[in-house]
Amino acid sequence: GARGMVKVALDLAADHPDFPAVRDEFLARYQARMTRETVV
């Protein structure tokens, strides 16, 4: 999920103080594009 994607993207671990804000940014970006390339 978001924890792993943020870690890969920015090398930011879940215990980092900036993680909650970056996770929320990731989720907003994912929500805006979540059906662009997703397929069954």
PDB file of all heavy atoms in Angstrom:
ATOM      1  N   GLY A   1       0.791  -1.223   0.000  1.00  0.00           N
ATOM      2  CA  GLY A   1       0.000   0.000   0.000  1.00  0.00           C
ATOM      3  C   GLY A   1       0.823   1.271   0.000  1.00  0.00           C
ATOM      4  O   GLY A   1       1.970   1.297  -0.465  1.00  0.00           O
ATOM      5  N   ALA A   2       0.227   2.324   0.543  1.00  0.00           N
ATOM      6  CA  ALA A   2       0.864   3.640   0.535  1.00  0.00           C
ATOM      7  C   ALA A   2       2.200   3.626   1.270  1.00  0.00           C
ATOM      8  O   ALA A   2       3.151   4.283   0.848  1.00  0.00           O
ATOM      9  CB  ALA A   2      -0.067   4.673   1.161  1.00  0.00           C
ATOM     10  N   ARG A   3       2.267   2.845   2.338  1.00  0.00           N
ATOM     11  CA  ARG A   3       3.517   2.773   3.110  1.00  0.00           C
ATOM     12  C   ARG A   3       4.672   2.332   2.213  1.00  0.00           C
ATOM     13  O   ARG A   3       5.740   2.956   2.193  1.00  0.00           O
ATOM     14  CB  ARG A   3       3.337   1.806   4.279  1.00  0.00           C
ATOM     15  CG  ARG A   3       4.532   1.653   5.160  1.00  0.00           C
ATOM     16  CD  ARG A   3       4.257   0.714   6.345  1.00  0.00           C
ATOM     17  NE  ARG A   3       3.421  -0.429   6.038  1.00  0.00           N
ATOM     18  CZ  ARG A   3       3.860  -1.581   5.521  1.00  0.00           C
ATOM     19  NH1 ARG A   3       5.136  -1.725   5.250  1.00  0.00           N
ATOM     20  NH2 ARG A   3       3.026  -2.569   5.283  1.00  0.00           N
ATOM     21  N   GLY A   4       4.455   1.277   1.443  1.00  0.00           N
ATOM     22  CA  GLY A   4       5.509   0.773   0.566  1.00  0.00           C
ATOM     23  C   GLY A   4       5.789   1.678  -0.612  1.00  0.00           C
ATOM     24  O   GLY A   4       6.945   1.847  -1.009  1.00  0.00           O
ATOM     25  N   MET A   5       4.737   2.272  -1.167  1.00  0.00           N
ATOM     26  CA  MET A   5       4.921   3.138  -2.330  1.00  0.00           C
ATOM     27  C   MET A   5       5.697   4.403  -1.968  1.00  0.00           C
ATOM     28  O   MET A   5       6.568   4.849  -2.721  1.00  0.00           O
ATOM     29  CB  MET A   5       3.572   3.511  -2.957  1.00  0.00           C
ATOM     30  CG  MET A   5       2.779   2.341  -3.513  1.00  0.00           C
ATOM     31  SD  MET A   5       3.568   1.529  -4.931  1.00  0.00           S
ATOM     32  CE  MET A   5       4.342   0.133  -4.146  1.00  0.00           C
ATOM     33  N   VAL A   6       5.402   4.977  -0.805  1.00  0.00           N
ATOM     34  CA  VAL A   6       6.127   6.171  -0.358  1.00  0.00           C
ATOM     35  C   VAL A   6       7.579   5.810  -0.037  1.00  0.00           C
ATOM     36  O   VAL A   6       8.493   6.577  -0.345  1.00  0.00           O
ATOM     37  CB  VAL A   6       5.425   6.817   0.854  1.00  0.00           C
ATOM     38  CG1 VAL A   6       6.301   7.899   1.492  1.00  0.00           C
ATOM     39  CG2 VAL A   6       4.074   7.399   0.430  1.00  0.00           C
ATOM     40  N   LYS A   7       7.793   4.635   0.523  1.00  0.00           N
ATOM     41  CA  LYS A   7       9.158   4.195   0.827  1.00  0.00           C
ATOM     42  C   LYS A   7       9.970   4.064  -0.457  1.00  0.00           C
ATOM     43  O   LYS A   7      11.112   4.520  -0.529  1.00  0.00           O
ATOM     44  CB  LYS A   7       9.111   2.858   1.582  1.00  0.00           C
ATOM     45  CG  LYS A   7      10.470   2.245   1.856  1.00  0.00           C
ATOM     46  CD  LYS A   7      11.269   3.050   2.844  1.00  0.00           C
ATOM     47  CE  LYS A   7      12.555   2.301   3.195  1.00  0.00           C
ATOM     48  NZ  LYS A   7      13.596   3.187   3.646  1.00  0.00           N
ATOM     49  N   VAL A   8       9.374   3.453  -1.488  1.00  0.00           N
ATOM     50  CA  VAL A   8      10.083   3.307  -2.763  1.00  0.00           C
ATOM     51  C   VAL A   8      10.298   4.670  -3.412  1.00  0.00           C
ATOM     52  O   VAL A   8      11.404   4.999  -3.844  1.00  0.00           O
ATOM     53  CB  VAL A   8       9.309   2.381  -3.732  1.00  0.00           C
ATOM     54  CG1 VAL A   8       9.921   2.417  -5.122  1.00  0.00           C
ATOM     55  CG2 VAL A   8       9.278   0.967  -3.204  1.00  0.00           C
ATOM     56  N   ALA A   9       9.240   5.458  -3.478  1.00  0.00           N
ATOM     57  CA  ALA A   9       9.299   6.729  -4.211  1.00  0.00           C
ATOM     58  C   ALA A   9      10.289   7.716  -3.611  1.00  0.00           C
ATOM     59  O   ALA A   9      11.059   8.344  -4.339  1.00  0.00           O
ATOM     60  CB  ALA A   9       7.909   7.364  -4.273  1.00  0.00           C
ATOM     61  N   LEU A  10      10.257   7.841  -2.287  1.00  0.00           N
ATOM     62  CA  LEU A  10      11.051   8.898  -1.655  1.00  0.00           C
ATOM     63  C   LEU A  10      11.975   8.387  -0.555  1.00  0.00           C
ATOM     64  O   LEU A  10      12.581   9.192   0.163  1.00  0.00           O
ATOM     65  CB  LEU A  10      10.125   9.976  -1.082  1.00  0.00           C
ATOM     66  CG  LEU A  10       9.207  10.663  -2.081  1.00  0.00           C
ATOM     67  CD1 LEU A  10       8.277  11.634  -1.367  1.00  0.00           C
ATOM     68  CD2 LEU A  10      10.013  11.374  -3.155  1.00  0.00           C
ATOM     69  N   ASP A  11      12.068   7.076  -0.395  1.00  0.00           N
ATOM     70  CA  ASP A  11      12.870   6.477   0.665  1.00  0.00           C
ATOM     71  C   ASP A  11      12.484   7.060   2.021  1.00  0.00           C
ATOM     72  O   ASP A  11      13.338   7.395   2.848  1.00  0.00           O
ATOM     73  CB  ASP A  11      14.369   6.650   0.396  1.00  0.00           C
ATOM     74  CG  ASP A  11      15.202   5.721   1.264  1.00  0.00           C
ATOM     75  OD1 ASP A  11      14.679   4.663   1.681  1.00  0.00           O
ATOM     76  OD2 ASP A  11      16.370   6.061   1.536  1.00  0.00           O
ATOM     77  N   LEU A  12      11.171   7.187   2.231  1.00  0.00           N
ATOM     78  CA  LEU A  12      10.637   7.768   3.454  1.00  0.00           C
ATOM     79  C   LEU A  12       9.902   6.674   4.225  1.00  0.00           C
ATOM     80  O   LEU A  12       8.895   6.148   3.751  1.00  0.00           O
ATOM     81  CB  LEU A  12       9.686   8.916   3.099  1.00  0.00           C
ATOM     82  CG  LEU A  12       9.261   9.857   4.203  1.00  0.00           C
ATOM     83  CD1 LEU A  12      10.463  10.657   4.721  1.00  0.00           C
ATOM     84  CD2 LEU A  12       8.195  10.805   3.689  1.00  0.00           C
ATOM     85  N   ALA A  13      10.407   6.328   5.393  1.00  0.00           N
ATOM     86  CA  ALA A  13       9.828   5.264   6.206  1.00  0.00           C
ATOM     87  C   ALA A  13       8.610   5.773   6.983  1.00  0.00           C
ATOM     88  O   ALA A  13       8.467   6.977   7.223  1.00  0.00           O
ATOM     89  CB  ALA A  13      10.864   4.714   7.167  1.00  0.00           C
ATOM     90  N   ALA A  14       7.767   4.840   7.384  1.00  0.00           N
ATOM     91  CA  ALA A  14       6.527   5.174   8.088  1.00  0.00           C
ATOM     92  C   ALA A  14       6.772   5.864   9.423  1.00  0.00           C
ATOM     93  O   ALA A  14       5.894   6.578   9.915  1.00  0.00           O
ATOM     94  CB  ALA A  14       5.692   3.918   8.290  1.00  0.00           C
ATOM     95  N   ASP A  15       7.944   5.690  10.014  1.00  0.00           N
ATOM     96  CA  ASP A  15       8.224   6.341  11.291  1.00  0.00           C
ATOM     97  C   ASP A  15       8.827   7.741  11.138  1.00  0.00           C
ATOM     98  O   ASP A  15       9.106   8.422  12.125  1.00  0.00           O
ATOM     99  CB  ASP A  15       9.111   5.455  12.166  1.00  0.00           C
ATOM    100  CG  ASP A  15      10.467   5.155  11.527  1.00  0.00           C
ATOM    101  OD1 ASP A  15      10.704   5.544  10.365  1.00  0.00           O
ATOM    102  OD2 ASP A  15      11.291   4.516  12.212  1.00  0.00           O
ATOM    103  N   HIS A  16       9.017   8.188   9.907  1.00  0.00           N
ATOM    104  CA  HIS A  16       9.555   9.536   9.669  1.00  0.00           C
ATOM    105  C   HIS A  16       8.469  10.563   9.985  1.00  0.00           C
ATOM    106  O   HIS A  16       7.303  10.365   9.660  1.00  0.00           O
ATOM    107  CB  HIS A  16      10.007   9.666   8.209  1.00  0.00           C
ATOM    108  CG  HIS A  16      10.784  10.906   7.941  1.00  0.00           C
ATOM    109  ND1 HIS A  16      10.184  12.133   7.767  1.00  0.00           N
ATOM    110  CD2 HIS A  16      12.132  11.109   7.830  1.00  0.00           C
ATOM    111  CE1 HIS A  16      11.115  13.044   7.545  1.00  0.00           C
ATOM    112  NE2 HIS A  16      12.297  12.446   7.582  1.00  0.00           N
ATOM    113  N   PRO A  17       8.821  11.696  10.611  1.00  0.00           N
ATOM    114  CA  PRO A  17       7.807  12.703  10.973  1.00  0.00           C
ATOM    115  C   PRO A  17       7.021  13.261   9.773  1.00  0.00           C
ATOM    116  O   PRO A  17       5.868  13.662   9.926  1.00  0.00           O
ATOM    117  CB  PRO A  17       8.598  13.818  11.666  1.00  0.00           C
ATOM    118  CG  PRO A  17      10.005  13.368  11.753  1.00  0.00           C
ATOM    119  CD  PRO A  17      10.153  12.052  11.078  1.00  0.00           C
ATOM    120  N   ASP A  18       7.635  13.273   8.584  1.00  0.00           N
ATOM    121  CA  ASP A  18       6.943  13.788   7.405  1.00  0.00           C
ATOM    122  C   ASP A  18       6.056  12.740   6.729  1.00  0.00           C
ATOM    123  O   ASP A  18       5.312  13.063   5.799  1.00  0.00           O
ATOM    124  CB  ASP A  18       7.960  14.296   6.368  1.00  0.00           C
ATOM    125  CG  ASP A  18       8.719  15.512   6.859  1.00  0.00           C
ATOM    126  OD1 ASP A  18       8.213  16.220   7.759  1.00  0.00           O
ATOM    127  OD2 ASP A  18       9.840  15.740   6.346  1.00  0.00           O
ATOM    128  N   PHE A  19       6.153  11.502   7.185  1.00  0.00           N
ATOM    129  CA  PHE A  19       5.438  10.428   6.494  1.00  0.00           C
ATOM    130  C   PHE A  19       3.927  10.645   6.401  1.00  0.00           C
ATOM    131  O   PHE A  19       3.365  10.484   5.306  1.00  0.00           O
ATOM    132  CB  PHE A  19       5.725   9.060   7.128  1.00  0.00           C
ATOM    133  CG  PHE A  19       4.988   7.954   6.434  1.00  0.00           C
ATOM    134  CD1 PHE A  19       5.494   7.402   5.266  1.00  0.00           C
ATOM    135  CD2 PHE A  19       3.784   7.494   6.919  1.00  0.00           C
ATOM    136  CE1 PHE A  19       4.804   6.400   4.598  1.00  0.00           C
ATOM    137  CE2 PHE A  19       3.081   6.489   6.270  1.00  0.00           C
ATOM    138  CZ  PHE A  19       3.598   5.939   5.107  1.00  0.00           C
ATOM    139  N   PRO A  20       3.226  11.004   7.470  1.00  0.00           N
ATOM    140  CA  PRO A  20       1.768  11.151   7.345  1.00  0.00           C
ATOM    141  C   PRO A  20       1.343  12.138   6.247  1.00  0.00           C
ATOM    142  O   PRO A  20       0.428  11.853   5.471  1.00  0.00           O
ATOM    143  CB  PRO A  20       1.318  11.625   8.724  1.00  0.00           C
ATOM    144  CG  PRO A  20       2.373  11.093   9.652  1.00  0.00           C
ATOM    145  CD  PRO A  20       3.660  11.190   8.863  1.00  0.00           C
ATOM    146  N   ALA A  21       2.005  13.269   6.149  1.00  0.00           N
ATOM    147  CA  ALA A  21       1.656  14.256   5.126  1.00  0.00           C
ATOM    148  C   ALA A  21       1.972  13.730   3.725  1.00  0.00           C
ATOM    149  O   ALA A  21       1.184  13.906   2.784  1.00  0.00           O
ATOM    150  CB  ALA A  21       2.385  15.573   5.376  1.00  0.00           C
ATOM    151  N   VAL A  22       3.099  13.068   3.579  1.00  0.00           N
ATOM    152  CA  VAL A  22       3.484  12.535   2.271  1.00  0.00           C
ATOM    153  C   VAL A  22       2.564  11.379   1.887  1.00  0.00           C
ATOM    154  O   VAL A  22       2.158  11.250   0.738  1.00  0.00           O
ATOM    155  CB  VAL A  22       4.965  12.121   2.250  1.00  0.00           C
ATOM    156  CG1 VAL A  22       5.330  11.465   0.935  1.00  0.00           C
ATOM    157  CG2 VAL A  22       5.853  13.338   2.501  1.00  0.00           C
ATOM    158  N   ARG A  23       2.210  10.543   2.860  1.00  0.00           N
ATOM    159  CA  ARG A  23       1.265   9.454   2.594  1.00  0.00           C
ATOM    160  C   ARG A  23      -0.063  10.024   2.101  1.00  0.00           C
ATOM    161  O   ARG A  23      -0.640   9.537   1.128  1.00  0.00           O
ATOM    162  CB  ARG A  23       1.043   8.611   3.851  1.00  0.00           C
ATOM    163  CG  ARG A  23       0.007   7.497   3.635  1.00  0.00           C
ATOM    164  CD  ARG A  23      -0.653   7.038   4.912  1.00  0.00           C
ATOM    165  NE  ARG A  23      -1.254   8.162   5.601  1.00  0.00           N
ATOM    166  CZ  ARG A  23      -1.201   8.349   6.914  1.00  0.00           C
ATOM    167  NH1 ARG A  23      -0.562   7.509   7.691  1.00  0.00           N
ATOM    168  NH2 ARG A  23      -1.777   9.403   7.457  1.00  0.00           N
ATOM    169  N   ASP A  24      -0.552  11.061   2.764  1.00  0.00           N
ATOM    170  CA  ASP A  24      -1.814  11.680   2.347  1.00  0.00           C
ATOM    171  C   ASP A  24      -1.703  12.262   0.938  1.00  0.00           C
ATOM    172  O   ASP A  24      -2.644  12.172   0.142  1.00  0.00           O
ATOM    173  CB  ASP A  24      -2.240  12.751   3.347  1.00  0.00           C
ATOM    174  CG  ASP A  24      -2.662  12.156   4.693  1.00  0.00           C
ATOM    175  OD1 ASP A  24      -2.832  10.916   4.794  1.00  0.00           O
ATOM    176  OD2 ASP A  24      -2.803  12.932   5.660  1.00  0.00           O
ATOM    177  N   GLU A  25      -0.555  12.849   0.633  1.00  0.00           N
ATOM    178  CA  GLU A  25      -0.330  13.366  -0.722  1.00  0.00           C
ATOM    179  C   GLU A  25      -0.336  12.217  -1.732  1.00  0.00           C
ATOM    180  O   GLU A  25      -0.932  12.318  -2.809  1.00  0.00           O
ATOM    181  CB  GLU A  25       0.997  14.121  -0.790  1.00  0.00           C
ATOM    182  CG  GLU A  25       1.294  14.669  -2.178  1.00  0.00           C
ATOM    183  CD  GLU A  25       2.685  15.275  -2.293  1.00  0.00           C
ATOM    184  OE1 GLU A  25       3.370  15.490  -1.261  1.00  0.00           O
ATOM    185  OE2 GLU A  25       3.101  15.528  -3.455  1.00  0.00           O
ATOM    186  N   PHE A  26       0.340  11.121  -1.393  1.00  0.00           N
ATOM    187  CA  PHE A  26       0.348   9.952  -2.274  1.00  0.00           C
ATOM    188  C   PHE A  26      -1.071   9.449  -2.508  1.00  0.00           C
ATOM    189  O   PHE A  26      -1.463   9.181  -3.652  1.00  0.00           O
ATOM    190  CB  PHE A  26       1.209   8.827  -1.679  1.00  0.00           C
ATOM    191  CG  PHE A  26       1.046   7.543  -2.428  1.00  0.00           C
ATOM    192  CD1 PHE A  26       1.764   7.308  -3.593  1.00  0.00           C
ATOM    193  CD2 PHE A  26       0.144   6.576  -2.007  1.00  0.00           C
ATOM    194  CE1 PHE A  26       1.587   6.144  -4.321  1.00  0.00           C
ATOM    195  CE2 PHE A  26      -0.036   5.402  -2.721  1.00  0.00           C
ATOM    196  CZ  PHE A  26       0.692   5.187  -3.881  1.00  0.00           C
ATOM    197  N   LEU A  27      -1.854   9.316  -1.444  1.00  0.00           N
ATOM    198  CA  LEU A  27      -3.222   8.801  -1.580  1.00  0.00           C
ATOM    199  C   LEU A  27      -4.089   9.724  -2.430  1.00  0.00           C
ATOM    200  O   LEU A  27      -4.907   9.253  -3.230  1.00  0.00           O
ATOM    201  CB  LEU A  27      -3.841   8.576  -0.199  1.00  0.00           C
ATOM    202  CG  LEU A  27      -3.233   7.423   0.598  1.00  0.00           C
ATOM    203  CD1 LEU A  27      -3.781   7.411   2.022  1.00  0.00           C
ATOM    204  CD2 LEU A  27      -3.477   6.094  -0.094  1.00  0.00           C
ATOM    205  N   ALA A  28      -3.910  11.026  -2.282  1.00  0.00           N
ATOM    206  CA  ALA A  28      -4.665  11.969  -3.119  1.00  0.00           C
ATOM    207  C   ALA A  28      -4.268  11.818  -4.585  1.00  0.00           C
ATOM    208  O   ALA A  28      -5.122  11.828  -5.484  1.00  0.00           O
ATOM    209  CB  ALA A  28      -4.425  13.401  -2.639  1.00  0.00           C
ATOM    210  N   ARG A  29      -2.994  11.663  -4.832  1.00  0.00           N
ATOM    211  CA  ARG A  29      -2.526  11.466  -6.215  1.00  0.00           C
ATOM    212  C   ARG A  29      -3.041  10.137  -6.767  1.00  0.00           C
ATOM    213  O   ARG A  29      -3.453  10.058  -7.923  1.00  0.00           O
ATOM    214  CB  ARG A  29      -0.997  11.532  -6.284  1.00  0.00           C
ATOM    215  CG  ARG A  29      -0.449  12.925  -6.044  1.00  0.00           C
ATOM    216  CD  ARG A  29       1.073  12.955  -6.092  1.00  0.00           C
ATOM    217  NE  ARG A  29       1.587  14.265  -5.795  1.00  0.00           N
ATOM    218  CZ  ARG A  29       1.590  15.291  -6.642  1.00  0.00           C
ATOM    219  NH1 ARG A  29       1.103  15.136  -7.865  1.00  0.00           N
ATOM    220  NH2 ARG A  29       2.074  16.461  -6.290  1.00  0.00           N
ATOM    221  N   TYR A  30      -3.017   9.095  -5.947  1.00  0.00           N
ATOM    222  CA  TYR A  30      -3.513   7.796  -6.393  1.00  0.00           C
ATOM    223  C   TYR A  30      -5.016   7.868  -6.690  1.00  0.00           C
ATOM    224  O   TYR A  30      -5.477   7.386  -7.721  1.00  0.00           O
ATOM    225  CB  TYR A  30      -3.229   6.714  -5.342  1.00  0.00           C
ATOM    226  CG  TYR A  30      -3.882   5.410  -5.690  1.00  0.00           C
ATOM    227  CD1 TYR A  30      -3.495   4.687  -6.820  1.00  0.00           C
ATOM    228  CD2 TYR A  30      -4.918   4.899  -4.915  1.00  0.00           C
ATOM    229  CE1 TYR A  30      -4.110   3.500  -7.159  1.00  0.00           C
ATOM    230  CE2 TYR A  30      -5.538   3.712  -5.253  1.00  0.00           C
ATOM    231  CZ  TYR A  30      -5.137   3.020  -6.367  1.00  0.00           C
ATOM    232  OH  TYR A  30      -5.756   1.850  -6.718  1.00  0.00           O
ATOM    233  N   GLN A  31      -5.760   8.498  -5.805  1.00  0.00           N
ATOM    234  CA  GLN A  31      -7.215   8.598  -6.013  1.00  0.00           C
ATOM    235  C   GLN A  31      -7.540   9.331  -7.313  1.00  0.00           C
ATOM    236  O   GLN A  31      -8.473   8.954  -8.022  1.00  0.00           O
ATOM    237  CB  GLN A  31      -7.869   9.301  -4.831  1.00  0.00           C
ATOM    238  CG  GLN A  31      -9.388   9.271  -4.897  1.00  0.00           C
ATOM    239  CD  GLN A  31     -10.011   9.711  -3.592  1.00  0.00           C
ATOM    240  OE1 GLN A  31      -9.509  10.614  -2.930  1.00  0.00           O
ATOM    241  NE2 GLN A  31     -11.091   9.068  -3.220  1.00  0.00           N
ATOM    242  N   ALA A  32      -6.765  10.325  -7.653  1.00  0.00           N
ATOM    243  CA  ALA A  32      -7.000  11.090  -8.879  1.00  0.00           C
ATOM    244  C   ALA A  32      -6.697  10.283 -10.139  1.00  0.00           C
ATOM    245  O   ALA A  32      -7.205  10.599 -11.213  1.00  0.00           O
ATOM    246  CB  ALA A  32      -6.155  12.370  -8.859  1.00  0.00           C
ATOM    247  N   ARG A  33      -5.912   9.221 -10.016  1.00  0.00           N
ATOM    248  CA  ARG A  33      -5.500   8.481 -11.211  1.00  0.00           C
ATOM    249  C   ARG A  33      -5.780   6.982 -11.111  1.00  0.00           C
ATOM    250  O   ARG A  33      -5.370   6.218 -11.969  1.00  0.00           O
ATOM    251  CB  ARG A  33      -4.012   8.698 -11.477  1.00  0.00           C
ATOM    252  CG  ARG A  33      -3.097   8.124 -10.402  1.00  0.00           C
ATOM    253  CD  ARG A  33      -1.639   8.047 -10.785  1.00  0.00           C
ATOM    254  NE  ARG A  33      -1.445   7.149 -11.892  1.00  0.00           N
ATOM    255  CZ  ARG A  33      -0.720   7.433 -12.980  1.00  0.00           C
ATOM    256  NH1 ARG A  33      -0.084   8.576 -13.076  1.00  0.00           N
ATOM    257  NH2 ARG A  33      -0.592   6.571 -13.955  1.00  0.00           N
ATOM    258  N   MET A  34      -6.478   6.528 -10.089  1.00  0.00           N
ATOM    259  CA  MET A  34      -6.540   5.106  -9.780  1.00  0.00           C
ATOM    260  C   MET A  34      -7.191   4.217 -10.835  1.00  0.00           C
ATOM    261  O   MET A  34      -7.080   2.993 -10.754  1.00  0.00           O
ATOM    262  CB  MET A  34      -7.196   4.867  -8.425  1.00  0.00           C
ATOM    263  CG  MET A  34      -8.655   5.131  -8.364  1.00  0.00           C
ATOM    264  SD  MET A  34      -9.208   4.815  -6.681  1.00  0.00           S
ATOM    265  CE  MET A  34     -10.888   5.326  -6.865  1.00  0.00           C
ATOM    266  N   THR A  35      -7.815   4.809 -11.820  1.00  0.00           N
ATOM    267  CA  THR A  35      -8.402   3.975 -12.882  1.00  0.00           C
ATOM    268  C   THR A  35      -7.801   4.291 -14.255  1.00  0.00           C
ATOM    269  O   THR A  35      -8.323   3.846 -15.272  1.00  0.00           O
ATOM    270  CB  THR A  35      -9.932   4.146 -12.931  1.00  0.00           C
ATOM    271  OG1 THR A  35     -10.236   5.524 -13.155  1.00  0.00           O
ATOM    272  CG2 THR A  35     -10.575   3.682 -11.635  1.00  0.00           C
ATOM    273  N   ARG A  36      -6.726   5.021 -14.261  1.00  0.00           N
ATOM    274  CA  ARG A  36      -6.090   5.383 -15.522  1.00  0.00           C
ATOM    275  C   ARG A  36      -5.497   4.161 -16.227  1.00  0.00           C
ATOM    276  O   ARG A  36      -5.673   3.986 -17.432  1.00  0.00           O
ATOM    277  CB  ARG A  36      -4.997   6.423 -15.254  1.00  0.00           C
ATOM    278  CG  ARG A  36      -4.742   7.338 -16.420  1.00  0.00           C
ATOM    279  CD  ARG A  36      -3.691   8.376 -16.106  1.00  0.00           C
ATOM    280  NE  ARG A  36      -4.191   9.390 -15.190  1.00  0.00           N
ATOM    281  CZ  ARG A  36      -3.429  10.331 -14.652  1.00  0.00           C
ATOM    282  NH1 ARG A  36      -2.143  10.392 -14.907  1.00  0.00           N
ATOM    283  NH2 ARG A  36      -3.952  11.216 -13.837  1.00  0.00           N
ATOM    284  N   GLU A  37      -4.791   3.323 -15.469  1.00  0.00           N
ATOM    285  CA  GLU A  37      -4.127   2.162 -16.063  1.00  0.00           C
ATOM    286  C   GLU A  37      -4.509   0.836 -15.395  1.00  0.00           C
ATOM    287  O   GLU A  37      -4.066  -0.224 -15.834  1.00  0.00           O
ATOM    288  CB  GLU A  37      -2.607   2.335 -15.979  1.00  0.00           C
ATOM    289  CG  GLU A  37      -2.085   3.534 -16.762  1.00  0.00           C
ATOM    290  CD  GLU A  37      -0.592   3.681 -16.592  1.00  0.00           C
ATOM    291  OE1 GLU A  37       0.137   2.879 -17.214  1.00  0.00           O
ATOM    292  OE2 GLU A  37      -0.173   4.576 -15.831  1.00  0.00           O
ATOM    293  N   THR A  38      -5.297   0.882 -14.356  1.00  0.00           N
ATOM    294  CA  THR A  38      -5.710  -0.322 -13.639  1.00  0.00           C
ATOM    295  C   THR A  38      -6.662  -1.141 -14.495  1.00  0.00           C
ATOM    296  O   THR A  38      -7.582  -0.596 -15.102  1.00  0.00           O
ATOM    297  CB  THR A  38      -6.376   0.052 -12.301  1.00  0.00           C
ATOM    298  OG1 THR A  38      -5.389   0.665 -11.465  1.00  0.00           O
ATOM    299  CG2 THR A  38      -6.948  -1.159 -11.594  1.00  0.00           C
ATOM    300  N   VAL A  39      -6.419  -2.447 -14.537  1.00  0.00           N
ATOM    301  CA  VAL A  39      -7.249  -3.347 -15.348  1.00  0.00           C
ATOM    302  C   VAL A  39      -7.552  -4.621 -14.575  1.00  0.00           C
ATOM    303  O   VAL A  39      -6.829  -4.998 -13.651  1.00  0.00           O
ATOM    304  CB  VAL A  39      -6.558  -3.728 -16.683  1.00  0.00           C
ATOM    305  CG1 VAL A  39      -6.356  -2.507 -17.569  1.00  0.00           C
ATOM    306  CG2 VAL A  39      -5.238  -4.437 -16.435  1.00  0.00           C
ATOM    307  N   VAL A  40      -8.620  -5.290 -14.990  1.00  0.00           N
ATOM    308  CA  VAL A  40      -8.921  -6.620 -14.486  1.00  0.00           C
ATOM    309  C   VAL A  40      -7.982  -7.582 -15.207  1.00  0.00           C
ATOM    310  O   VAL A  40      -7.809  -7.492 -16.422  1.00  0.00           O
ATOM    311  CB  VAL A  40     -10.389  -7.002 -14.782  1.00  0.00           C
ATOM    312  CG1 VAL A  40     -10.680  -8.414 -14.292  1.00  0.00           C
ATOM    313  CG2 VAL A  40     -11.343  -6.000 -14.157  1.00  0.00           C
TER     314      VAL A  40
END
